[in-house]
């Protein structure tokens, strides 16, 4: 679909609007590596607060931050704990949280390394940072592209496999990470890397149109996450842990 949206809105990305299988699967992955029960949780780039509301099923100490005042205002109608803030300068004291979640967010922020440094600052020793971020090897660009001044929304094939100058001209509004580039975002942090892997999407839209195809893709590609084919997944999935003792890893 060709549109002419506001570039600032495009740069912010689209938040989760509804809770479906794909979101539920990510929640279960988060819970496997970062316990949420009674935890102090921060969702960076919370948008409308969909994940914040779900996290509140496990804890009443949940906050979300975002730089989009319009979305925060809408989300605050049903979700407490949402705040306006840039990710590079979080308005919280040191060690204020047990878990910080960045779900498809660091590709949109001004400074991804500074954002992750702030996330590390606000978690306690032993706490976890959970990151999902776009994978450069995924065969589709999910953020849409610009062709001149026109914006084409949708999943565009093979864009992320183009050389950097061309890919970044078509998608100036969102990063996509190779394994090396996402590691650069957190390589200087005093954090232990508990997990570096990839996940495939929930295929919710495909299931809604062709249930058999969507279920086949889920079954086949979720098995692929345990094979070398995982490198073509939709997103990087990284879990960092703040060590109890000081010192570089």
C-alpha atoms as a PDB file:
ATOM      1  CA  UNK A   1       0.000   0.000   0.000  1.00  0.00           C
ATOM      2  CA  UNK A   2       1.392   3.419  -1.004  1.00  0.00           C
ATOM      3  CA  UNK A   3       0.749   6.222   1.481  1.00  0.00           C
ATOM      4  CA  UNK A   4       2.118   9.598   2.492  1.00  0.00           C
ATOM      5  CA  UNK A   5       2.297   9.327   6.292  1.00  0.00           C
ATOM      6  CA  UNK A   6       4.074  11.701   8.603  1.00  0.00           C
ATOM      7  CA  UNK A   7       7.766  10.740   8.680  1.00  0.00           C
ATOM      8  CA  UNK A   8       8.003  11.227  12.439  1.00  0.00           C
ATOM      9  CA  UNK A   9       5.206   8.717  13.004  1.00  0.00           C
ATOM     10  CA  UNK A  10       6.830   6.227  10.647  1.00  0.00           C
ATOM     11  CA  UNK A  11      10.135   6.562  12.517  1.00  0.00           C
ATOM     12  CA  UNK A  12       8.435   5.630  15.791  1.00  0.00           C
ATOM     13  CA  UNK A  13       7.169   2.325  14.404  1.00  0.00           C
ATOM     14  CA  UNK A  14       3.850   0.652  15.085  1.00  0.00           C
ATOM     15  CA  UNK A  15       3.164  -0.585  18.616  1.00  0.00           C
ATOM     16  CA  UNK A  16       1.248  -3.744  19.458  1.00  0.00           C
ATOM     17  CA  UNK A  17      -2.463  -2.962  19.243  1.00  0.00           C
ATOM     18  CA  UNK A  18      -3.962  -6.336  20.147  1.00  0.00           C
ATOM     19  CA  UNK A  19      -2.789  -9.435  21.969  1.00  0.00           C
ATOM     20  CA  UNK A  20      -2.441 -12.471  19.722  1.00  0.00           C
ATOM     21  CA  UNK A  21      -0.463 -15.690  19.484  1.00  0.00           C
ATOM     22  CA  UNK A  22       2.751 -13.923  18.478  1.00  0.00           C
ATOM     23  CA  UNK A  23       2.671 -11.661  21.530  1.00  0.00           C
ATOM     24  CA  UNK A  24       1.822 -14.573  23.791  1.00  0.00           C
ATOM     25  CA  UNK A  25       4.761 -16.569  22.480  1.00  0.00           C
ATOM     26  CA  UNK A  26       7.132 -13.683  23.158  1.00  0.00           C
ATOM     27  CA  UNK A  27       5.735 -13.299  26.644  1.00  0.00           C
ATOM     28  CA  UNK A  28       6.454 -16.966  27.345  1.00  0.00           C
ATOM     29  CA  UNK A  29       9.996 -16.562  26.019  1.00  0.00           C
ATOM     30  CA  UNK A  30      10.542 -13.549  28.279  1.00  0.00           C
ATOM     31  CA  UNK A  31       9.222 -15.449  31.295  1.00  0.00           C
ATOM     32  CA  UNK A  32      11.520 -18.394  30.582  1.00  0.00           C
ATOM     33  CA  UNK A  33      14.645 -16.243  30.901  1.00  0.00           C
ATOM     34  CA  UNK A  34      13.492 -13.414  33.199  1.00  0.00           C
ATOM     35  CA  UNK A  35      11.011 -14.229  35.983  1.00  0.00           C
ATOM     36  CA  UNK A  36       8.167 -11.698  36.068  1.00  0.00           C
ATOM     37  CA  UNK A  37       6.288 -12.762  39.193  1.00  0.00           C
ATOM     38  CA  UNK A  38       6.308  -9.829  41.643  1.00  0.00           C
ATOM     39  CA  UNK A  39       9.176  -8.288  39.682  1.00  0.00           C
ATOM     40  CA  UNK A  40       9.783  -4.604  39.082  1.00  0.00           C
ATOM     41  CA  UNK A  41       9.397  -4.387  35.305  1.00  0.00           C
ATOM     42  CA  UNK A  42      10.097  -1.605  32.800  1.00  0.00           C
ATOM     43  CA  UNK A  43       8.876  -1.742  29.194  1.00  0.00           C
ATOM     44  CA  UNK A  44      10.916   0.677  27.081  1.00  0.00           C
ATOM     45  CA  UNK A  45       9.013   1.852  24.014  1.00  0.00           C
ATOM     46  CA  UNK A  46       5.707   0.702  25.464  1.00  0.00           C
ATOM     47  CA  UNK A  47       3.480   2.414  22.894  1.00  0.00           C
ATOM     48  CA  UNK A  48      -0.136   1.926  23.934  1.00  0.00           C
ATOM     49  CA  UNK A  49       0.883  -0.216  26.907  1.00  0.00           C
ATOM     50  CA  UNK A  50      -0.271  -3.597  25.583  1.00  0.00           C
ATOM     51  CA  UNK A  51       2.675  -5.440  27.126  1.00  0.00           C
ATOM     52  CA  UNK A  52       2.488  -3.339  30.285  1.00  0.00           C
ATOM     53  CA  UNK A  53      -1.087  -4.527  30.817  1.00  0.00           C
ATOM     54  CA  UNK A  54      -0.034  -8.137  30.298  1.00  0.00           C
ATOM     55  CA  UNK A  55       2.964  -7.793  32.636  1.00  0.00           C
ATOM     56  CA  UNK A  56       0.565  -6.542  35.310  1.00  0.00           C
ATOM     57  CA  UNK A  57      -0.928 -10.028  35.443  1.00  0.00           C
ATOM     58  CA  UNK A  58       2.350 -11.073  37.095  1.00  0.00           C
ATOM     59  CA  UNK A  59       3.296  -7.966  39.061  1.00  0.00           C
ATOM     60  CA  UNK A  60       1.751  -4.681  40.167  1.00  0.00           C
ATOM     61  CA  UNK A  61       5.113  -2.909  39.854  1.00  0.00           C
ATOM     62  CA  UNK A  62       5.240  -2.262  36.121  1.00  0.00           C
ATOM     63  CA  UNK A  63       6.142   0.916  34.240  1.00  0.00           C
ATOM     64  CA  UNK A  64       6.290   1.769  30.565  1.00  0.00           C
ATOM     65  CA  UNK A  65       8.023   4.662  28.822  1.00  0.00           C
ATOM     66  CA  UNK A  66       7.698   6.038  25.307  1.00  0.00           C
ATOM     67  CA  UNK A  67       8.389   9.286  23.459  1.00  0.00           C
ATOM     68  CA  UNK A  68       5.025   9.334  21.683  1.00  0.00           C
ATOM     69  CA  UNK A  69       2.745  11.453  23.849  1.00  0.00           C
ATOM     70  CA  UNK A  70      -0.318  10.704  21.721  1.00  0.00           C
ATOM     71  CA  UNK A  71      -0.002   6.955  22.150  1.00  0.00           C
ATOM     72  CA  UNK A  72       0.769   7.285  25.848  1.00  0.00           C
ATOM     73  CA  UNK A  73      -2.319   9.426  26.380  1.00  0.00           C
ATOM     74  CA  UNK A  74      -4.472   6.823  24.647  1.00  0.00           C
ATOM     75  CA  UNK A  75      -2.869   3.936  26.518  1.00  0.00           C
ATOM     76  CA  UNK A  76      -3.180   5.668  29.886  1.00  0.00           C
ATOM     77  CA  UNK A  77      -6.970   5.411  29.639  1.00  0.00           C
ATOM     78  CA  UNK A  78      -6.706   1.700  30.456  1.00  0.00           C
ATOM     79  CA  UNK A  79      -3.151   1.233  31.701  1.00  0.00           C
ATOM     80  CA  UNK A  80      -1.466   2.911  34.700  1.00  0.00           C
ATOM     81  CA  UNK A  81       2.270   3.445  34.957  1.00  0.00           C
ATOM     82  CA  UNK A  82       2.955   4.934  31.511  1.00  0.00           C
ATOM     83  CA  UNK A  83       5.427   7.814  31.306  1.00  0.00           C
ATOM     84  CA  UNK A  84       6.811  10.155  28.655  1.00  0.00           C
ATOM     85  CA  UNK A  85      10.584   9.760  28.392  1.00  0.00           C
ATOM     86  CA  UNK A  86      13.419   9.248  25.957  1.00  0.00           C
ATOM     87  CA  UNK A  87      15.102   5.877  26.270  1.00  0.00           C
ATOM     88  CA  UNK A  88      18.569   7.448  26.493  1.00  0.00           C
ATOM     89  CA  UNK A  89      17.682   9.388  29.688  1.00  0.00           C
ATOM     90  CA  UNK A  90      15.380   7.288  31.834  1.00  0.00           C
ATOM     91  CA  UNK A  91      13.711   9.073  34.778  1.00  0.00           C
ATOM     92  CA  UNK A  92      14.456   6.309  37.298  1.00  0.00           C
ATOM     93  CA  UNK A  93      17.058   5.766  39.989  1.00  0.00           C
ATOM     94  CA  UNK A  94      19.812   3.196  39.682  1.00  0.00           C
ATOM     95  CA  UNK A  95      18.779  -0.455  40.242  1.00  0.00           C
ATOM     96  CA  UNK A  96      15.069   0.442  40.215  1.00  0.00           C
ATOM     97  CA  UNK A  97      13.964  -2.637  38.222  1.00  0.00           C
ATOM     98  CA  UNK A  98      14.411  -6.381  38.034  1.00  0.00           C
ATOM     99  CA  UNK A  99      13.562  -6.722  34.341  1.00  0.00           C
ATOM    100  CA  UNK A 100      13.781  -4.282  31.428  1.00  0.00           C
ATOM    101  CA  UNK A 101      12.120  -5.254  28.137  1.00  0.00           C
ATOM    102  CA  UNK A 102      12.904  -3.707  24.743  1.00  0.00           C
ATOM    103  CA  UNK A 103      10.557  -5.380  22.288  1.00  0.00           C
ATOM    104  CA  UNK A 104      11.328  -4.216  18.727  1.00  0.00           C
ATOM    105  CA  UNK A 105      12.438  -0.830  20.031  1.00  0.00           C
ATOM    106  CA  UNK A 106      16.187  -0.288  19.683  1.00  0.00           C
ATOM    107  CA  UNK A 107      15.912  -0.070  15.897  1.00  0.00           C
ATOM    108  CA  UNK A 108      13.925   3.170  16.338  1.00  0.00           C
ATOM    109  CA  UNK A 109      15.821   4.987  19.098  1.00  0.00           C
ATOM    110  CA  UNK A 110      18.287   7.783  18.454  1.00  0.00           C
ATOM    111  CA  UNK A 111      21.168   5.946  20.161  1.00  0.00           C
ATOM    112  CA  UNK A 112      20.827   2.198  20.701  1.00  0.00           C
ATOM    113  CA  UNK A 113      24.038   1.828  22.747  1.00  0.00           C
ATOM    114  CA  UNK A 114      23.044   4.687  25.073  1.00  0.00           C
ATOM    115  CA  UNK A 115      19.568   3.180  25.439  1.00  0.00           C
ATOM    116  CA  UNK A 116      21.000  -0.167  26.517  1.00  0.00           C
ATOM    117  CA  UNK A 117      23.433   1.540  28.875  1.00  0.00           C
ATOM    118  CA  UNK A 118      20.479   3.261  30.557  1.00  0.00           C
ATOM    119  CA  UNK A 119      18.610  -0.051  30.719  1.00  0.00           C
ATOM    120  CA  UNK A 120      21.601  -1.569  32.498  1.00  0.00           C
ATOM    121  CA  UNK A 121      21.799   1.353  34.913  1.00  0.00           C
ATOM    122  CA  UNK A 122      18.214   0.996  36.077  1.00  0.00           C
ATOM    123  CA  UNK A 123      18.255  -2.763  36.713  1.00  0.00           C
ATOM    124  CA  UNK A 124      19.545  -4.318  39.911  1.00  0.00           C
ATOM    125  CA  UNK A 125      22.512  -6.689  40.016  1.00  0.00           C
ATOM    126  CA  UNK A 126      21.191 -10.048  38.869  1.00  0.00           C
ATOM    127  CA  UNK A 127      18.432  -8.371  36.857  1.00  0.00           C
ATOM    128  CA  UNK A 128      17.773  -8.967  33.167  1.00  0.00           C
ATOM    129  CA  UNK A 129      17.493  -6.938  29.966  1.00  0.00           C
ATOM    130  CA  UNK A 130      15.407  -8.671  27.288  1.00  0.00           C
ATOM    131  CA  UNK A 131      15.843  -7.484  23.700  1.00  0.00           C
ATOM    132  CA  UNK A 132      13.960  -8.314  20.513  1.00  0.00           C
ATOM    133  CA  UNK A 133      15.297  -6.488  17.440  1.00  0.00           C
ATOM    134  CA  UNK A 134      14.959  -6.846  13.647  1.00  0.00           C
ATOM    135  CA  UNK A 135      17.259  -9.355  11.985  1.00  0.00           C
ATOM    136  CA  UNK A 136      19.041  -8.173   8.840  1.00  0.00           C
ATOM    137  CA  UNK A 137      18.910 -11.705   7.380  1.00  0.00           C
ATOM    138  CA  UNK A 138      15.110 -12.013   7.598  1.00  0.00           C
ATOM    139  CA  UNK A 139      13.882 -12.141   3.977  1.00  0.00           C
ATOM    140  CA  UNK A 140      11.337  -9.323   4.447  1.00  0.00           C
ATOM    141  CA  UNK A 141      11.611  -5.726   5.615  1.00  0.00           C
ATOM    142  CA  UNK A 142       8.653  -5.269   7.955  1.00  0.00           C
ATOM    143  CA  UNK A 143       8.838  -1.497   8.486  1.00  0.00           C
ATOM    144  CA  UNK A 144       7.898  -0.482   4.947  1.00  0.00           C
ATOM    145  CA  UNK A 145      10.116   1.501   2.573  1.00  0.00           C
ATOM    146  CA  UNK A 146      10.458   4.939   1.040  1.00  0.00           C
ATOM    147  CA  UNK A 147      10.672   5.229  -2.734  1.00  0.00           C
ATOM    148  CA  UNK A 148      11.470   8.876  -3.176  1.00  0.00           C
ATOM    149  CA  UNK A 149       8.854  10.673  -1.065  1.00  0.00           C
ATOM    150  CA  UNK A 150       6.351   7.830  -1.262  1.00  0.00           C
ATOM    151  CA  UNK A 151       6.045   5.421   1.641  1.00  0.00           C
ATOM    152  CA  UNK A 152       5.120   1.824   0.838  1.00  0.00           C
ATOM    153  CA  UNK A 153       3.806  -0.024   3.864  1.00  0.00           C
ATOM    154  CA  UNK A 154       4.039  -3.781   4.210  1.00  0.00           C
ATOM    155  CA  UNK A 155       6.472  -6.683   4.234  1.00  0.00           C
ATOM    156  CA  UNK A 156       8.851  -5.935   1.358  1.00  0.00           C
ATOM    157  CA  UNK A 157      11.030  -8.865   0.218  1.00  0.00           C
ATOM    158  CA  UNK A 158      14.828  -8.846   0.085  1.00  0.00           C
ATOM    159  CA  UNK A 159      15.318  -5.200   1.122  1.00  0.00           C
ATOM    160  CA  UNK A 160      17.483  -6.166   4.099  1.00  0.00           C
ATOM    161  CA  UNK A 161      19.805  -8.170   1.842  1.00  0.00           C
ATOM    162  CA  UNK A 162      20.781  -5.076  -0.138  1.00  0.00           C
ATOM    163  CA  UNK A 163      24.090  -3.256   0.481  1.00  0.00           C
ATOM    164  CA  UNK A 164      23.962  -0.824   3.400  1.00  0.00           C
ATOM    165  CA  UNK A 165      23.777   2.448   1.405  1.00  0.00           C
ATOM    166  CA  UNK A 166      20.807   1.274  -0.661  1.00  0.00           C
ATOM    167  CA  UNK A 167      19.004  -0.465   2.199  1.00  0.00           C
ATOM    168  CA  UNK A 168      19.377   2.585   4.452  1.00  0.00           C
ATOM    169  CA  UNK A 169      18.107   4.913   1.722  1.00  0.00           C
ATOM    170  CA  UNK A 170      14.955   2.801   1.364  1.00  0.00           C
ATOM    171  CA  UNK A 171      14.543   2.314   5.131  1.00  0.00           C
ATOM    172  CA  UNK A 172      15.952   5.433   6.826  1.00  0.00           C
ATOM    173  CA  UNK A 173      13.456   5.096   9.659  1.00  0.00           C
ATOM    174  CA  UNK A 174      14.502   1.766  11.226  1.00  0.00           C
ATOM    175  CA  UNK A 175      17.660  -0.233  11.722  1.00  0.00           C
ATOM    176  CA  UNK A 176      17.997  -3.933  11.028  1.00  0.00           C
ATOM    177  CA  UNK A 177      20.806  -5.756  12.779  1.00  0.00           C
ATOM    178  CA  UNK A 178      23.355  -8.318  11.761  1.00  0.00           C
ATOM    179  CA  UNK A 179      24.783 -10.418  14.563  1.00  0.00           C
ATOM    180  CA  UNK A 180      27.861  -8.193  14.674  1.00  0.00           C
ATOM    181  CA  UNK A 181      25.939  -4.924  14.660  1.00  0.00           C
ATOM    182  CA  UNK A 182      23.600  -5.881  17.492  1.00  0.00           C
ATOM    183  CA  UNK A 183      26.572  -7.063  19.519  1.00  0.00           C
ATOM    184  CA  UNK A 184      28.168  -3.644  19.027  1.00  0.00           C
ATOM    185  CA  UNK A 185      25.168  -2.076  20.751  1.00  0.00           C
ATOM    186  CA  UNK A 186      25.933  -3.895  24.017  1.00  0.00           C
ATOM    187  CA  UNK A 187      29.577  -4.938  23.745  1.00  0.00           C
ATOM    188  CA  UNK A 188      30.798  -2.222  26.153  1.00  0.00           C
ATOM    189  CA  UNK A 189      28.232  -2.966  28.843  1.00  0.00           C
ATOM    190  CA  UNK A 190      29.195  -4.602  32.116  1.00  0.00           C
ATOM    191  CA  UNK A 191      26.657  -7.339  31.414  1.00  0.00           C
ATOM    192  CA  UNK A 192      26.679 -11.086  31.013  1.00  0.00           C
ATOM    193  CA  UNK A 193      25.181 -12.396  27.764  1.00  0.00           C
ATOM    194  CA  UNK A 194      22.831 -15.192  28.803  1.00  0.00           C
ATOM    195  CA  UNK A 195      21.278 -15.736  25.380  1.00  0.00           C
ATOM    196  CA  UNK A 196      21.861 -14.720  21.762  1.00  0.00           C
ATOM    197  CA  UNK A 197      19.485 -16.363  19.324  1.00  0.00           C
ATOM    198  CA  UNK A 198      16.707 -15.682  16.800  1.00  0.00           C
ATOM    199  CA  UNK A 199      12.929 -16.095  16.704  1.00  0.00           C
ATOM    200  CA  UNK A 200      10.473 -16.411  13.842  1.00  0.00           C
ATOM    201  CA  UNK A 201       7.178 -14.453  13.780  1.00  0.00           C
ATOM    202  CA  UNK A 202       3.770 -15.518  15.044  1.00  0.00           C
ATOM    203  CA  UNK A 203       2.254 -15.636  11.529  1.00  0.00           C
ATOM    204  CA  UNK A 204      -1.018 -14.357  13.017  1.00  0.00           C
ATOM    205  CA  UNK A 205      -2.140 -12.609   9.840  1.00  0.00           C
ATOM    206  CA  UNK A 206      -1.497 -15.729   7.768  1.00  0.00           C
ATOM    207  CA  UNK A 207      -3.360 -17.906  10.271  1.00  0.00           C
ATOM    208  CA  UNK A 208      -6.319 -15.514  10.068  1.00  0.00           C
ATOM    209  CA  UNK A 209      -6.490 -15.911   6.284  1.00  0.00           C
ATOM    210  CA  UNK A 210      -5.257 -19.482   5.751  1.00  0.00           C
ATOM    211  CA  UNK A 211      -5.179 -21.367   9.012  1.00  0.00           C
ATOM    212  CA  UNK A 212      -3.513 -24.476   7.622  1.00  0.00           C
ATOM    213  CA  UNK A 213      -0.656 -22.483   6.063  1.00  0.00           C
ATOM    214  CA  UNK A 214      -0.045 -20.411   9.159  1.00  0.00           C
ATOM    215  CA  UNK A 215       0.045 -23.457  11.392  1.00  0.00           C
ATOM    216  CA  UNK A 216       2.403 -25.213   8.991  1.00  0.00           C
ATOM    217  CA  UNK A 217       4.778 -22.235   9.044  1.00  0.00           C
ATOM    218  CA  UNK A 218       4.693 -22.105  12.825  1.00  0.00           C
ATOM    219  CA  UNK A 219       5.447 -25.804  13.159  1.00  0.00           C
ATOM    220  CA  UNK A 220       8.228 -25.803  10.570  1.00  0.00           C
ATOM    221  CA  UNK A 221       9.972 -22.557  11.444  1.00  0.00           C
ATOM    222  CA  UNK A 222       9.755 -22.899  15.224  1.00  0.00           C
ATOM    223  CA  UNK A 223      11.600 -26.180  14.776  1.00  0.00           C
ATOM    224  CA  UNK A 224      14.071 -24.287  12.586  1.00  0.00           C
ATOM    225  CA  UNK A 225      14.895 -22.066  15.574  1.00  0.00           C
ATOM    226  CA  UNK A 226      16.838 -25.051  16.912  1.00  0.00           C
ATOM    227  CA  UNK A 227      18.854 -25.438  13.702  1.00  0.00           C
ATOM    228  CA  UNK A 228      21.293 -23.265  11.704  1.00  0.00           C
ATOM    229  CA  UNK A 229      18.245 -21.917   9.821  1.00  0.00           C
ATOM    230  CA  UNK A 230      17.464 -19.806  12.874  1.00  0.00           C
ATOM    231  CA  UNK A 231      19.729 -17.092  11.417  1.00  0.00           C
ATOM    232  CA  UNK A 232      16.911 -16.174   8.998  1.00  0.00           C
ATOM    233  CA  UNK A 233      14.429 -15.499  11.824  1.00  0.00           C
ATOM    234  CA  UNK A 234      12.410 -12.325  12.117  1.00  0.00           C
ATOM    235  CA  UNK A 235      14.189 -11.010  15.199  1.00  0.00           C
ATOM    236  CA  UNK A 236      17.277 -11.271  17.302  1.00  0.00           C
ATOM    237  CA  UNK A 237      16.434 -12.431  20.821  1.00  0.00           C
ATOM    238  CA  UNK A 238      19.032 -11.395  23.396  1.00  0.00           C
ATOM    239  CA  UNK A 239      19.009 -11.670  27.187  1.00  0.00           C
ATOM    240  CA  UNK A 240      21.595  -9.759  29.215  1.00  0.00           C
ATOM    241  CA  UNK A 241      22.170 -10.113  32.953  1.00  0.00           C
ATOM    242  CA  UNK A 242      23.700  -7.497  35.216  1.00  0.00           C
ATOM    243  CA  UNK A 243      26.388  -9.258  37.252  1.00  0.00           C
ATOM    244  CA  UNK A 244      26.341  -9.102  41.029  1.00  0.00           C
ATOM    245  CA  UNK A 245      30.029  -8.176  41.078  1.00  0.00           C
ATOM    246  CA  UNK A 246      31.642  -5.342  39.191  1.00  0.00           C
ATOM    247  CA  UNK A 247      33.989  -6.062  36.316  1.00  0.00           C
ATOM    248  CA  UNK A 248      33.969  -6.272  32.588  1.00  0.00           C
ATOM    249  CA  UNK A 249      32.953  -9.503  30.905  1.00  0.00           C
END
